[in-house]
Amino acid sequence: RGVSVRDVVLENVSVKGPGLLLEDCDETLVDEFSVRGQTNRLASGVCFRITTPQTFSGLRISNVSAREVEEAGILLETVGKEKGTLTDYLISGNLARVTDRIQGARGTMTNNLP
């Protein structure tokens, strides 16, 4: 509860998967997260993943720069047989393509440039 990630730069990353993976977190803030250099193997810059059948809320993601990744700069997803959900979240002011596979209640995505 209450996770904050600020002022992070990933440079020349050659791993598969997301640059930053957040799983099953409430009241999460990501601000000033950048992916630079040779990152063509990253699936996403930031991935918020729900793996339990719970409801999470309060996700805020802003000032992310992740344009040169395979799938999406910011990815919101659920995995597993019983799907959880996300409510009351804000994704804004990013230089990243946003893919929201959760489609939760009261989610706002604005001012994001792919």
C-alpha atoms as a PDB file:
ATOM      1  CA  ARG A   1       0.000   0.000   0.000  1.00  0.00           C
ATOM      2  CA  GLY A   2       1.249   3.442  -0.876  1.00  0.00           C
ATOM      3  CA  VAL A   3       3.975   2.653  -3.438  1.00  0.00           C
ATOM      4  CA  SER A   4       5.832   5.635  -4.990  1.00  0.00           C
ATOM      5  CA  VAL A   5       8.323   5.456  -7.861  1.00  0.00           C
ATOM      6  CA  ARG A   6       9.941   8.776  -8.844  1.00  0.00           C
ATOM      7  CA  ASP A   7      12.812  10.012 -10.986  1.00  0.00           C
ATOM      8  CA  VAL A   8      13.913   6.730 -12.592  1.00  0.00           C
ATOM      9  CA  VAL A   9      15.857   6.390 -15.864  1.00  0.00           C
ATOM     10  CA  LEU A  10      16.307   3.027 -17.605  1.00  0.00           C
ATOM     11  CA  GLU A  11      19.001   3.191 -20.253  1.00  0.00           C
ATOM     12  CA  ASN A  12      20.056   0.542 -22.782  1.00  0.00           C
ATOM     13  CA  VAL A  13      17.927  -2.204 -21.241  1.00  0.00           C
ATOM     14  CA  SER A  14      18.010  -5.589 -22.997  1.00  0.00           C
ATOM     15  CA  VAL A  15      15.567  -7.677 -20.963  1.00  0.00           C
ATOM     16  CA  LYS A  16      12.204  -8.954 -22.141  1.00  0.00           C
ATOM     17  CA  GLY A  17       9.152  -7.825 -20.227  1.00  0.00           C
ATOM     18  CA  PRO A  18       8.368  -4.486 -18.602  1.00  0.00           C
ATOM     19  CA  GLY A  19      10.912  -1.929 -17.437  1.00  0.00           C
ATOM     20  CA  LEU A  20       8.884  -1.391 -14.255  1.00  0.00           C
ATOM     21  CA  LEU A  21       6.413  -4.005 -13.015  1.00  0.00           C
ATOM     22  CA  LEU A  22       3.914  -3.104 -10.301  1.00  0.00           C
ATOM     23  CA  GLU A  23       1.733  -5.987  -9.091  1.00  0.00           C
ATOM     24  CA  ASP A  24      -1.341  -5.817  -6.870  1.00  0.00           C
ATOM     25  CA  CYS A  25      -0.665  -2.328  -5.498  1.00  0.00           C
ATOM     26  CA  ASP A  26      -3.037   0.200  -3.963  1.00  0.00           C
ATOM     27  CA  GLU A  27      -2.469   3.975  -3.931  1.00  0.00           C
ATOM     28  CA  THR A  28       0.443   3.821  -6.368  1.00  0.00           C
ATOM     29  CA  LEU A  29       2.289   6.814  -7.838  1.00  0.00           C
ATOM     30  CA  VAL A  30       4.686   6.689 -10.803  1.00  0.00           C
ATOM     31  CA  ASP A  31       6.216  10.051 -11.765  1.00  0.00           C
ATOM     32  CA  GLU A  32       9.218  10.925 -13.977  1.00  0.00           C
ATOM     33  CA  PHE A  33      10.009   7.457 -15.361  1.00  0.00           C
ATOM     34  CA  SER A  34      12.078   7.411 -18.590  1.00  0.00           C
ATOM     35  CA  VAL A  35      13.244   4.690 -20.944  1.00  0.00           C
ATOM     36  CA  ARG A  36      16.204   5.676 -23.152  1.00  0.00           C
ATOM     37  CA  GLY A  37      18.705   4.104 -25.503  1.00  0.00           C
ATOM     38  CA  GLN A  38      18.537   0.587 -26.941  1.00  0.00           C
ATOM     39  CA  THR A  39      15.297  -0.742 -25.462  1.00  0.00           C
ATOM     40  CA  ASN A  40      13.786  -2.640 -28.368  1.00  0.00           C
ATOM     41  CA  ARG A  41      13.273  -5.800 -26.259  1.00  0.00           C
ATOM     42  CA  LEU A  42      11.135  -4.200 -23.547  1.00  0.00           C
ATOM     43  CA  ALA A  43       7.469  -5.116 -23.886  1.00  0.00           C
ATOM     44  CA  SER A  44       6.417  -2.010 -21.935  1.00  0.00           C
ATOM     45  CA  GLY A  45       7.969   0.803 -19.950  1.00  0.00           C
ATOM     46  CA  VAL A  46       5.537   0.599 -17.025  1.00  0.00           C
ATOM     47  CA  CYS A  47       3.215  -2.341 -16.390  1.00  0.00           C
ATOM     48  CA  PHE A  48       0.535  -2.299 -13.695  1.00  0.00           C
ATOM     49  CA  ARG A  49      -0.643  -5.890 -13.248  1.00  0.00           C
ATOM     50  CA  ILE A  50      -3.436  -7.353 -11.141  1.00  0.00           C
ATOM     51  CA  THR A  51      -3.009 -11.051 -10.297  1.00  0.00           C
ATOM     52  CA  THR A  52      -5.656 -11.488  -7.574  1.00  0.00           C
ATOM     53  CA  PRO A  53      -9.473 -11.174  -7.632  1.00  0.00           C
ATOM     54  CA  GLN A  54      -9.364  -7.933  -5.609  1.00  0.00           C
ATOM     55  CA  THR A  55     -10.230  -4.312  -6.347  1.00  0.00           C
ATOM     56  CA  PHE A  56      -7.340  -1.850  -6.291  1.00  0.00           C
ATOM     57  CA  SER A  57      -7.560   1.944  -6.546  1.00  0.00           C
ATOM     58  CA  GLY A  58      -5.603   5.181  -6.535  1.00  0.00           C
ATOM     59  CA  LEU A  59      -3.126   4.521  -9.362  1.00  0.00           C
ATOM     60  CA  ARG A  60      -1.519   7.716 -10.726  1.00  0.00           C
ATOM     61  CA  ILE A  61       0.991   7.641 -13.592  1.00  0.00           C
ATOM     62  CA  SER A  62       2.473  10.836 -15.055  1.00  0.00           C
ATOM     63  CA  ASN A  63       5.589  12.108 -16.829  1.00  0.00           C
ATOM     64  CA  VAL A  64       6.536   8.722 -18.294  1.00  0.00           C
ATOM     65  CA  SER A  65       8.634   8.709 -21.466  1.00  0.00           C
ATOM     66  CA  ALA A  66       8.624   5.253 -23.074  1.00  0.00           C
ATOM     67  CA  ARG A  67       8.079   5.498 -26.821  1.00  0.00           C
ATOM     68  CA  GLU A  68      10.483   2.880 -28.192  1.00  0.00           C
ATOM     69  CA  VAL A  69       9.051  -0.288 -26.661  1.00  0.00           C
ATOM     70  CA  GLU A  70       7.351  -3.283 -28.300  1.00  0.00           C
ATOM     71  CA  GLU A  71       3.829  -3.238 -26.916  1.00  0.00           C
ATOM     72  CA  ALA A  72       2.922  -0.117 -24.942  1.00  0.00           C
ATOM     73  CA  GLY A  73       4.743   2.534 -22.958  1.00  0.00           C
ATOM     74  CA  ILE A  74       2.189   2.048 -20.182  1.00  0.00           C
ATOM     75  CA  LEU A  75       0.264  -1.212 -19.852  1.00  0.00           C
ATOM     76  CA  LEU A  76      -2.559  -1.954 -17.409  1.00  0.00           C
ATOM     77  CA  GLU A  77      -3.513  -5.640 -17.292  1.00  0.00           C
ATOM     78  CA  THR A  78      -5.049  -8.475 -15.286  1.00  0.00           C
ATOM     79  CA  VAL A  79      -3.835 -12.064 -15.331  1.00  0.00           C
ATOM     80  CA  GLY A  80      -5.179 -15.282 -13.855  1.00  0.00           C
ATOM     81  CA  LYS A  81      -8.503 -17.066 -13.931  1.00  0.00           C
ATOM     82  CA  GLU A  82     -10.300 -14.781 -11.491  1.00  0.00           C
ATOM     83  CA  LYS A  83      -9.869 -11.184 -12.614  1.00  0.00           C
ATOM     84  CA  GLY A  84      -9.355  -8.304 -10.228  1.00  0.00           C
ATOM     85  CA  THR A  85     -10.121  -4.702 -11.128  1.00  0.00           C
ATOM     86  CA  LEU A  86      -8.867  -1.144 -10.748  1.00  0.00           C
ATOM     87  CA  THR A  87     -10.910   1.945  -9.869  1.00  0.00           C
ATOM     88  CA  ASP A  88     -10.235   5.663  -9.473  1.00  0.00           C
ATOM     89  CA  TYR A  89      -7.057   5.928 -11.560  1.00  0.00           C
ATOM     90  CA  LEU A  90      -5.389   8.694 -13.555  1.00  0.00           C
ATOM     91  CA  ILE A  91      -2.891   8.264 -16.399  1.00  0.00           C
ATOM     92  CA  SER A  92      -1.910  11.682 -17.784  1.00  0.00           C
ATOM     93  CA  GLY A  93       0.881  13.776 -19.257  1.00  0.00           C
ATOM     94  CA  ASN A  94       2.966  10.921 -20.670  1.00  0.00           C
ATOM     95  CA  LEU A  95       5.055  10.437 -23.812  1.00  0.00           C
ATOM     96  CA  ALA A  96       3.936   6.831 -24.121  1.00  0.00           C
ATOM     97  CA  ARG A  97       1.225   4.756 -25.766  1.00  0.00           C
ATOM     98  CA  VAL A  98      -1.256   3.639 -23.093  1.00  0.00           C
ATOM     99  CA  THR A  99      -2.995   0.255 -23.278  1.00  0.00           C
ATOM    100  CA  ASP A 100      -5.705  -0.257 -20.666  1.00  0.00           C
ATOM    101  CA  ARG A 101      -6.815  -3.903 -20.608  1.00  0.00           C
ATOM    102  CA  ILE A 102      -8.424  -3.492 -17.197  1.00  0.00           C
ATOM    103  CA  GLN A 103     -11.061  -0.909 -18.202  1.00  0.00           C
ATOM    104  CA  GLY A 104     -11.969  -0.212 -14.564  1.00  0.00           C
ATOM    105  CA  ALA A 105     -14.472   2.266 -13.156  1.00  0.00           C
ATOM    106  CA  ARG A 106     -13.612   5.951 -12.937  1.00  0.00           C
ATOM    107  CA  GLY A 107     -10.382   5.663 -14.902  1.00  0.00           C
ATOM    108  CA  THR A 108      -9.115   8.791 -16.669  1.00  0.00           C
ATOM    109  CA  MET A 109      -6.500   8.870 -19.407  1.00  0.00           C
ATOM    110  CA  THR A 110      -5.656  12.269 -20.835  1.00  0.00           C
ATOM    111  CA  ASN A 111      -2.831  14.197 -22.514  1.00  0.00           C
ATOM    112  CA  ASN A 112      -0.799  11.120 -23.435  1.00  0.00           C
ATOM    113  CA  LEU A 113       1.228  11.233 -26.667  1.00  0.00           C
ATOM    114  CA  PRO A 114       2.086   7.906 -28.321  1.00  0.00           C
END
